[in-house]
Amino acid sequence: MAKITYIEFGGKEHVVDVPNGLTVMEGARDNGIPGIEADCGGACACSTCHVYVAADWVEKLPAKDAMEQDMLDFAWNPDPVRSRLTCQLKVTPALDGLVVQMPEKQI
């Protein structure tokens, strides 16, 4: 289990325990956290689970694959370094303490 902090665009924080094996997107969905829509259900076929990861986490996460990189082109105001799709981030103990911030809106 990993403790993940989700920060809404307006600054409200949600700190939740997400079981290993789920994705960061599923953790938000299962805990009713607003700002991550996940229209495709986690199939990496949309960009509505886009977040900005905290700068100190960028290098700790697995690299983006080509499909995630392509989908980020459709996200709202993507950051070339910090933007990630939460459906592509599998929760492991190594993600304990991860902080993600939602963009102003999802497209």
N, C-alpha and C. Protein backbone atom coordinates (compact mmCIF):
# COMPACT_ATOMS: atom_id res chain seq x y z
N MET A 1 0.85 -1.18 0.00
CA MET A 1 0.00 0.00 0.00
C MET A 1 0.89 1.23 0.00
N ALA A 2 0.44 2.25 -0.73
CA ALA A 2 1.19 3.50 -0.81
C ALA A 2 0.28 4.66 -0.44
N LYS A 3 0.81 5.59 0.31
CA LYS A 3 0.08 6.81 0.65
C LYS A 3 0.35 7.81 -0.47
N ILE A 4 -0.71 8.24 -1.13
CA ILE A 4 -0.59 9.16 -2.26
C ILE A 4 -1.37 10.42 -1.95
N THR A 5 -0.76 11.56 -2.25
CA THR A 5 -1.42 12.85 -2.06
C THR A 5 -1.87 13.37 -3.41
N TYR A 6 -3.17 13.60 -3.53
CA TYR A 6 -3.77 14.18 -4.73
C TYR A 6 -4.15 15.62 -4.38
N ILE A 7 -3.70 16.57 -5.18
CA ILE A 7 -3.99 17.97 -4.93
C ILE A 7 -4.87 18.50 -6.06
N GLU A 8 -6.07 18.95 -5.68
CA GLU A 8 -6.98 19.53 -6.67
C GLU A 8 -6.40 20.83 -7.19
N PHE A 9 -6.89 21.29 -8.34
CA PHE A 9 -6.39 22.53 -8.93
C PHE A 9 -6.49 23.70 -7.95
N GLY A 10 -7.55 23.75 -7.17
CA GLY A 10 -7.74 24.84 -6.21
C GLY A 10 -6.90 24.71 -4.95
N GLY A 11 -6.16 23.59 -4.80
CA GLY A 11 -5.26 23.43 -3.67
C GLY A 11 -5.70 22.45 -2.60
N LYS A 12 -6.94 21.96 -2.66
CA LYS A 12 -7.41 21.01 -1.65
C LYS A 12 -6.67 19.69 -1.80
N GLU A 13 -6.14 19.18 -0.68
CA GLU A 13 -5.37 17.95 -0.69
C GLU A 13 -6.20 16.77 -0.21
N HIS A 14 -5.97 15.62 -0.83
CA HIS A 14 -6.57 14.36 -0.43
C HIS A 14 -5.42 13.37 -0.26
N VAL A 15 -5.21 12.87 0.94
CA VAL A 15 -4.15 11.88 1.19
C VAL A 15 -4.84 10.54 1.43
N VAL A 16 -4.55 9.58 0.56
CA VAL A 16 -5.23 8.29 0.64
C VAL A 16 -4.22 7.15 0.53
N ASP A 17 -4.58 6.02 1.12
CA ASP A 17 -3.81 4.80 0.97
C ASP A 17 -4.36 4.05 -0.24
N VAL A 18 -3.48 3.73 -1.18
CA VAL A 18 -3.88 3.03 -2.40
C VAL A 18 -3.20 1.66 -2.40
N PRO A 19 -4.00 0.60 -2.53
CA PRO A 19 -3.41 -0.74 -2.52
C PRO A 19 -2.45 -0.98 -3.68
N ASN A 20 -1.41 -1.76 -3.41
CA ASN A 20 -0.48 -2.16 -4.46
C ASN A 20 -1.24 -2.89 -5.56
N GLY A 21 -0.81 -2.68 -6.79
CA GLY A 21 -1.42 -3.34 -7.92
C GLY A 21 -2.46 -2.50 -8.63
N LEU A 22 -3.05 -1.53 -7.92
CA LEU A 22 -3.96 -0.60 -8.58
C LEU A 22 -3.12 0.46 -9.28
N THR A 23 -3.78 1.33 -10.04
CA THR A 23 -3.09 2.47 -10.62
C THR A 23 -3.40 3.71 -9.78
N VAL A 24 -2.62 4.74 -9.97
CA VAL A 24 -2.87 6.01 -9.29
C VAL A 24 -4.25 6.53 -9.69
N MET A 25 -4.67 6.29 -10.93
CA MET A 25 -6.00 6.68 -11.39
C MET A 25 -7.08 5.94 -10.62
N GLU A 26 -6.91 4.63 -10.44
CA GLU A 26 -7.91 3.83 -9.72
C GLU A 26 -7.99 4.27 -8.26
N GLY A 27 -6.87 4.67 -7.69
CA GLY A 27 -6.87 5.19 -6.33
C GLY A 27 -7.72 6.44 -6.20
N ALA A 28 -7.63 7.33 -7.18
CA ALA A 28 -8.45 8.54 -7.18
C ALA A 28 -9.92 8.18 -7.38
N ARG A 29 -10.19 7.34 -8.35
CA ARG A 29 -11.58 6.94 -8.64
C ARG A 29 -12.22 6.26 -7.43
N ASP A 30 -11.52 5.32 -6.83
CA ASP A 30 -12.07 4.55 -5.72
C ASP A 30 -12.29 5.39 -4.46
N ASN A 31 -11.61 6.52 -4.38
CA ASN A 31 -11.73 7.38 -3.21
C ASN A 31 -12.51 8.66 -3.50
N GLY A 32 -13.15 8.74 -4.67
CA GLY A 32 -14.01 9.87 -5.00
C GLY A 32 -13.28 11.19 -5.09
N ILE A 33 -12.05 11.16 -5.55
CA ILE A 33 -11.26 12.39 -5.65
C ILE A 33 -11.59 13.09 -6.96
N PRO A 34 -12.06 14.34 -6.88
CA PRO A 34 -12.40 15.08 -8.10
C PRO A 34 -11.16 15.52 -8.86
N GLY A 35 -11.32 15.69 -10.17
CA GLY A 35 -10.24 16.22 -11.00
C GLY A 35 -9.58 15.19 -11.88
N ILE A 36 -9.84 13.91 -11.63
CA ILE A 36 -9.35 12.85 -12.49
C ILE A 36 -10.58 12.13 -13.03
N GLU A 37 -10.89 12.37 -14.30
CA GLU A 37 -12.13 11.85 -14.87
C GLU A 37 -12.00 10.42 -15.37
N ALA A 38 -10.89 10.08 -15.98
CA ALA A 38 -10.63 8.71 -16.44
C ALA A 38 -11.74 8.19 -17.35
N ASP A 39 -12.07 8.95 -18.38
CA ASP A 39 -13.16 8.59 -19.29
C ASP A 39 -12.99 7.23 -19.94
N CYS A 40 -11.76 6.83 -20.22
CA CYS A 40 -11.55 5.56 -20.92
C CYS A 40 -11.39 4.38 -19.95
N GLY A 41 -11.47 4.64 -18.66
CA GLY A 41 -11.38 3.58 -17.68
C GLY A 41 -9.99 3.03 -17.45
N GLY A 42 -8.99 3.71 -17.95
CA GLY A 42 -7.61 3.27 -17.71
C GLY A 42 -6.95 2.57 -18.87
N ALA A 43 -7.52 2.71 -20.06
CA ALA A 43 -6.98 2.04 -21.25
C ALA A 43 -5.93 2.86 -22.00
N CYS A 44 -5.54 4.00 -21.44
CA CYS A 44 -4.59 4.91 -22.10
C CYS A 44 -5.10 5.31 -23.48
N ALA A 45 -6.42 5.59 -23.53
CA ALA A 45 -7.06 5.97 -24.79
C ALA A 45 -7.64 7.38 -24.71
N CYS A 46 -7.35 8.09 -23.64
CA CYS A 46 -7.77 9.49 -23.51
C CYS A 46 -6.71 10.18 -22.65
N SER A 47 -6.93 11.40 -22.31
CA SER A 47 -5.95 12.09 -21.45
C SER A 47 -6.62 12.67 -20.22
N THR A 48 -7.79 12.12 -19.83
CA THR A 48 -8.56 12.73 -18.75
C THR A 48 -8.15 12.27 -17.35
N CYS A 49 -7.01 11.62 -17.25
CA CYS A 49 -6.45 11.30 -15.92
C CYS A 49 -5.08 11.96 -15.77
N HIS A 50 -4.88 13.01 -16.54
CA HIS A 50 -3.62 13.76 -16.55
C HIS A 50 -3.37 14.46 -15.21
N VAL A 51 -2.14 14.39 -14.74
CA VAL A 51 -1.70 15.12 -13.54
C VAL A 51 -0.29 15.63 -13.76
N TYR A 52 0.11 16.51 -12.85
CA TYR A 52 1.49 16.94 -12.77
C TYR A 52 2.08 16.28 -11.52
N VAL A 53 3.14 15.52 -11.69
CA VAL A 53 3.78 14.91 -10.52
C VAL A 53 4.71 15.92 -9.88
N ALA A 54 4.85 15.82 -8.57
CA ALA A 54 5.77 16.70 -7.86
C ALA A 54 7.17 16.56 -8.45
N ALA A 55 7.87 17.66 -8.54
CA ALA A 55 9.18 17.67 -9.20
C ALA A 55 10.15 16.63 -8.63
N ASP A 56 10.10 16.41 -7.32
CA ASP A 56 11.03 15.46 -6.72
C ASP A 56 10.66 14.00 -7.01
N TRP A 57 9.53 13.78 -7.67
CA TRP A 57 9.11 12.42 -8.02
C TRP A 57 9.36 12.07 -9.49
N VAL A 58 9.65 13.05 -10.30
CA VAL A 58 9.80 12.81 -11.74
C VAL A 58 10.78 11.68 -12.04
N GLU A 59 11.94 11.71 -11.45
CA GLU A 59 12.98 10.72 -11.72
C GLU A 59 12.74 9.38 -11.04
N LYS A 60 11.84 9.35 -10.06
CA LYS A 60 11.56 8.11 -9.33
C LYS A 60 10.54 7.23 -10.03
N LEU A 61 9.81 7.79 -10.98
CA LEU A 61 8.75 7.05 -11.66
C LEU A 61 9.28 6.33 -12.89
N PRO A 62 8.63 5.25 -13.29
CA PRO A 62 9.02 4.59 -14.54
C PRO A 62 8.89 5.57 -15.71
N ALA A 63 9.70 5.39 -16.71
CA ALA A 63 9.65 6.27 -17.89
C ALA A 63 8.31 6.14 -18.61
N LYS A 64 7.91 7.21 -19.27
CA LYS A 64 6.70 7.20 -20.09
C LYS A 64 6.95 6.32 -21.31
N ASP A 65 5.99 5.49 -21.64
CA ASP A 65 6.12 4.74 -22.90
C ASP A 65 5.55 5.58 -24.04
N ALA A 66 5.69 5.11 -25.25
CA ALA A 66 5.28 5.89 -26.43
C ALA A 66 3.79 6.19 -26.43
N MET A 67 2.97 5.24 -25.98
CA MET A 67 1.52 5.46 -25.98
C MET A 67 1.14 6.57 -25.00
N GLU A 68 1.71 6.54 -23.81
CA GLU A 68 1.43 7.60 -22.83
C GLU A 68 1.90 8.95 -23.36
N GLN A 69 3.08 8.98 -23.93
CA GLN A 69 3.61 10.23 -24.47
C GLN A 69 2.68 10.79 -25.55
N ASP A 70 2.18 9.92 -26.43
CA ASP A 70 1.26 10.35 -27.48
C ASP A 70 -0.03 10.91 -26.90
N MET A 71 -0.59 10.24 -25.89
CA MET A 71 -1.85 10.69 -25.29
C MET A 71 -1.67 12.01 -24.54
N LEU A 72 -0.50 12.24 -23.98
CA LEU A 72 -0.26 13.51 -23.28
C LEU A 72 -0.33 14.71 -24.22
N ASP A 73 -0.14 14.47 -25.52
CA ASP A 73 -0.28 15.56 -26.49
C ASP A 73 -1.70 16.12 -26.50
N PHE A 74 -2.67 15.33 -26.02
CA PHE A 74 -4.08 15.75 -26.00
C PHE A 74 -4.50 16.31 -24.65
N ALA A 75 -3.62 16.29 -23.67
CA ALA A 75 -3.96 16.76 -22.32
C ALA A 75 -4.00 18.29 -22.28
N TRP A 76 -4.70 18.79 -21.26
CA TRP A 76 -4.76 20.23 -21.03
C TRP A 76 -3.41 20.72 -20.50
N ASN A 77 -2.77 21.61 -21.22
CA ASN A 77 -1.55 22.29 -20.79
C ASN A 77 -0.49 21.32 -20.24
N PRO A 78 -0.08 20.34 -21.03
CA PRO A 78 0.90 19.37 -20.52
C PRO A 78 2.27 20.00 -20.27
N ASP A 79 2.92 19.50 -19.25
CA ASP A 79 4.28 19.89 -18.93
C ASP A 79 5.19 18.78 -19.46
N PRO A 80 6.19 19.09 -20.28
CA PRO A 80 7.01 18.03 -20.87
C PRO A 80 7.74 17.15 -19.86
N VAL A 81 7.94 17.64 -18.66
CA VAL A 81 8.67 16.87 -17.65
C VAL A 81 7.73 16.27 -16.61
N ARG A 82 6.81 17.05 -16.08
CA ARG A 82 6.00 16.63 -14.93
C ARG A 82 4.67 15.97 -15.27
N SER A 83 4.17 16.09 -16.50
CA SER A 83 2.88 15.52 -16.84
C SER A 83 2.94 14.01 -16.95
N ARG A 84 1.94 13.36 -16.36
CA ARG A 84 1.79 11.90 -16.46
C ARG A 84 0.30 11.57 -16.53
N LEU A 85 0.02 10.39 -17.08
CA LEU A 85 -1.33 9.85 -17.06
C LEU A 85 -1.39 8.87 -15.89
N THR A 86 -2.31 9.10 -14.97
CA THR A 86 -2.34 8.28 -13.76
C THR A 86 -2.74 6.84 -14.03
N CYS A 87 -3.36 6.58 -15.17
CA CYS A 87 -3.71 5.19 -15.50
C CYS A 87 -2.48 4.37 -15.82
N GLN A 88 -1.37 5.03 -16.07
CA GLN A 88 -0.13 4.34 -16.44
C GLN A 88 0.85 4.20 -15.27
N LEU A 89 0.43 4.65 -14.10
CA LEU A 89 1.29 4.58 -12.92
C LEU A 89 0.77 3.51 -11.97
N LYS A 90 1.39 2.33 -12.01
CA LYS A 90 1.01 1.20 -11.16
C LYS A 90 1.55 1.43 -9.75
N VAL A 91 0.67 1.27 -8.77
CA VAL A 91 1.04 1.50 -7.37
C VAL A 91 1.88 0.33 -6.85
N THR A 92 3.02 0.68 -6.29
CA THR A 92 3.91 -0.26 -5.60
C THR A 92 4.36 0.44 -4.32
N PRO A 93 5.01 -0.28 -3.41
CA PRO A 93 5.53 0.39 -2.22
C PRO A 93 6.49 1.54 -2.55
N ALA A 94 7.14 1.48 -3.70
CA ALA A 94 8.06 2.54 -4.10
C ALA A 94 7.36 3.87 -4.34
N LEU A 95 6.03 3.85 -4.52
CA LEU A 95 5.29 5.09 -4.75
C LEU A 95 4.77 5.72 -3.47
N ASP A 96 5.10 5.13 -2.32
CA ASP A 96 4.65 5.69 -1.05
C ASP A 96 5.15 7.12 -0.91
N GLY A 97 4.22 8.05 -0.72
CA GLY A 97 4.57 9.46 -0.60
C GLY A 97 4.41 10.26 -1.88
N LEU A 98 4.01 9.62 -2.97
CA LEU A 98 3.83 10.31 -4.24
C LEU A 98 2.84 11.47 -4.09
N VAL A 99 3.16 12.58 -4.73
CA VAL A 99 2.28 13.76 -4.74
C VAL A 99 1.99 14.11 -6.19
N VAL A 100 0.68 14.22 -6.50
CA VAL A 100 0.26 14.61 -7.85
C VAL A 100 -0.71 15.77 -7.75
N GLN A 101 -0.67 16.65 -8.73
CA GLN A 101 -1.55 17.80 -8.76
C GLN A 101 -2.36 17.78 -10.05
N MET A 102 -3.66 18.00 -9.91
CA MET A 102 -4.54 18.02 -11.06
C MET A 102 -4.39 19.33 -11.83
N PRO A 103 -4.55 19.26 -13.15
CA PRO A 103 -4.53 20.48 -13.95
C PRO A 103 -5.84 21.25 -13.76
N GLU A 104 -5.91 22.44 -14.33
CA GLU A 104 -7.11 23.26 -14.22
C GLU A 104 -8.35 22.53 -14.74
N LYS A 105 -8.16 21.75 -15.80
CA LYS A 105 -9.29 20.98 -16.35
C LYS A 105 -8.73 19.79 -17.12
N GLN A 106 -9.61 18.85 -17.40
CA GLN A 106 -9.27 17.71 -18.24
C GLN A 106 -9.96 17.92 -19.58
N ILE A 107 -9.36 17.45 -20.65
CA ILE A 107 -9.97 17.59 -21.98
C ILE A 107 -10.55 16.25 -22.38
